[in-house]
Amino acid sequence: MPKNKQAVPVLPIKKLVNEKGFRISKDAAKALSDASNQLIEEIIKEVLELKEVEGGKTIQVKDIELAIKLIENE
């Protein structure tokens, strides 16, 4: 994913934390955004590998759930 295109940008993270009555530093919000984006990229990579083996083109919820289980068991 290009660096300027974040799936989970910093601002919504700050808003979520603020809604819970806490503050988050800019660096902490960036670190959480980076970690979230990395996890999303890992899930997508795993899903695409599964779809290549399966031969399908449409990603279903079950594919994402399976990919997450596979990543958790690594």
C-alpha atoms as a PDB file:
ATOM      1  CA  MET A   1       0.000   0.000   0.000  1.00  0.00           C
ATOM      2  CA  PRO A   2       1.445   3.420  -0.909  1.00  0.00           C
ATOM      3  CA  LYS A   3       2.609   5.421   2.081  1.00  0.00           C
ATOM      4  CA  ASN A   4       0.148   8.254   1.422  1.00  0.00           C
ATOM      5  CA  LYS A   5      -2.830   5.865   1.205  1.00  0.00           C
ATOM      6  CA  GLN A   6      -3.505   4.497   4.661  1.00  0.00           C
ATOM      7  CA  ALA A   7      -6.421   2.096   5.146  1.00  0.00           C
ATOM      8  CA  VAL A   8      -6.592   3.257   8.761  1.00  0.00           C
ATOM      9  CA  PRO A   9      -5.622   6.922   8.962  1.00  0.00           C
ATOM     10  CA  VAL A  10      -4.461   8.626  12.165  1.00  0.00           C
ATOM     11  CA  LEU A  11      -7.423  10.995  12.633  1.00  0.00           C
ATOM     12  CA  PRO A  12     -10.109   8.319  13.173  1.00  0.00           C
ATOM     13  CA  ILE A  13      -7.825   6.623  15.710  1.00  0.00           C
ATOM     14  CA  LYS A  14      -7.522   9.884  17.628  1.00  0.00           C
ATOM     15  CA  LYS A  15     -11.304  10.340  17.499  1.00  0.00           C
ATOM     16  CA  LEU A  16     -11.944   6.805  18.791  1.00  0.00           C
ATOM     17  CA  VAL A  17      -9.561   7.308  21.696  1.00  0.00           C
ATOM     18  CA  ASN A  18     -11.007  10.758  22.478  1.00  0.00           C
ATOM     19  CA  GLU A  19     -14.558   9.337  22.487  1.00  0.00           C
ATOM     20  CA  LYS A  20     -13.445   6.996  25.285  1.00  0.00           C
ATOM     21  CA  GLY A  21     -12.252   9.967  27.330  1.00  0.00           C
ATOM     22  CA  PHE A  22      -8.536   9.562  26.687  1.00  0.00           C
ATOM     23  CA  ARG A  23      -5.886  11.362  24.691  1.00  0.00           C
ATOM     24  CA  ILE A  24      -3.308   9.826  22.402  1.00  0.00           C
ATOM     25  CA  SER A  25      -0.047  11.364  21.288  1.00  0.00           C
ATOM     26  CA  LYS A  26       0.593  11.972  17.614  1.00  0.00           C
ATOM     27  CA  ASP A  27       3.380   9.369  17.632  1.00  0.00           C
ATOM     28  CA  ALA A  28       1.195   6.768  19.375  1.00  0.00           C
ATOM     29  CA  ALA A  29      -1.677   7.344  16.932  1.00  0.00           C
ATOM     30  CA  LYS A  30       0.755   7.008  14.019  1.00  0.00           C
ATOM     31  CA  ALA A  31       2.177   3.786  15.480  1.00  0.00           C
ATOM     32  CA  LEU A  32      -1.330   2.350  15.889  1.00  0.00           C
ATOM     33  CA  SER A  33      -2.233   3.415  12.360  1.00  0.00           C
ATOM     34  CA  ASP A  34       0.918   1.783  10.978  1.00  0.00           C
ATOM     35  CA  ALA A  35       0.286  -1.445  12.918  1.00  0.00           C
ATOM     36  CA  SER A  36      -3.344  -1.553  11.756  1.00  0.00           C
ATOM     37  CA  ASN A  37      -2.360  -1.018   8.155  1.00  0.00           C
ATOM     38  CA  GLN A  38       0.324  -3.696   8.383  1.00  0.00           C
ATOM     39  CA  LEU A  39      -2.206  -6.177   9.765  1.00  0.00           C
ATOM     40  CA  ILE A  40      -4.671  -5.336   6.986  1.00  0.00           C
ATOM     41  CA  GLU A  41      -1.946  -5.878   4.393  1.00  0.00           C
ATOM     42  CA  GLU A  42      -1.085  -9.269   5.948  1.00  0.00           C
ATOM     43  CA  ILE A  43      -4.731 -10.337   5.872  1.00  0.00           C
ATOM     44  CA  ILE A  44      -5.153  -9.227   2.261  1.00  0.00           C
ATOM     45  CA  LYS A  45      -1.985 -11.054   1.214  1.00  0.00           C
ATOM     46  CA  GLU A  46      -3.192 -14.262   2.880  1.00  0.00           C
ATOM     47  CA  VAL A  47      -6.672 -13.930   1.351  1.00  0.00           C
ATOM     48  CA  LEU A  48      -5.225 -13.435  -2.130  1.00  0.00           C
ATOM     49  CA  GLU A  49      -3.030 -16.510  -1.729  1.00  0.00           C
ATOM     50  CA  LEU A  50      -6.086 -18.519  -0.670  1.00  0.00           C
ATOM     51  CA  LYS A  51      -8.095 -17.248  -3.647  1.00  0.00           C
ATOM     52  CA  GLU A  52      -5.285 -18.182  -6.056  1.00  0.00           C
ATOM     53  CA  VAL A  53      -5.374 -21.754  -4.780  1.00  0.00           C
ATOM     54  CA  GLU A  54      -9.183 -21.839  -4.750  1.00  0.00           C
ATOM     55  CA  GLY A  55      -9.459 -20.214  -8.152  1.00  0.00           C
ATOM     56  CA  GLY A  56     -12.107 -17.673  -7.177  1.00  0.00           C
ATOM     57  CA  LYS A  57     -12.036 -13.928  -7.741  1.00  0.00           C
ATOM     58  CA  THR A  58     -14.549 -12.705  -5.156  1.00  0.00           C
ATOM     59  CA  ILE A  59     -13.404 -12.341  -1.558  1.00  0.00           C
ATOM     60  CA  GLN A  60     -16.019 -13.495   0.922  1.00  0.00           C
ATOM     61  CA  VAL A  61     -16.247 -13.002   4.691  1.00  0.00           C
ATOM     62  CA  LYS A  62     -15.313 -16.676   5.143  1.00  0.00           C
ATOM     63  CA  ASP A  63     -12.069 -16.035   3.233  1.00  0.00           C
ATOM     64  CA  ILE A  64     -11.124 -13.191   5.560  1.00  0.00           C
ATOM     65  CA  GLU A  65     -12.019 -15.245   8.628  1.00  0.00           C
ATOM     66  CA  LEU A  66      -9.890 -18.147   7.392  1.00  0.00           C
ATOM     67  CA  ALA A  67      -6.966 -15.843   6.589  1.00  0.00           C
ATOM     68  CA  ILE A  68      -7.104 -14.361  10.095  1.00  0.00           C
ATOM     69  CA  LYS A  69      -7.102 -17.851  11.638  1.00  0.00           C
ATOM     70  CA  LEU A  70      -4.128 -18.864   9.508  1.00  0.00           C
ATOM     71  CA  ILE A  71      -2.208 -15.725  10.495  1.00  0.00           C
ATOM     72  CA  GLU A  72      -3.010 -16.278  14.190  1.00  0.00           C
ATOM     73  CA  ASN A  73      -1.687 -19.841  13.978  1.00  0.00           C
ATOM     74  CA  GLU A  74       1.646 -18.876  12.358  1.00  0.00           C
END
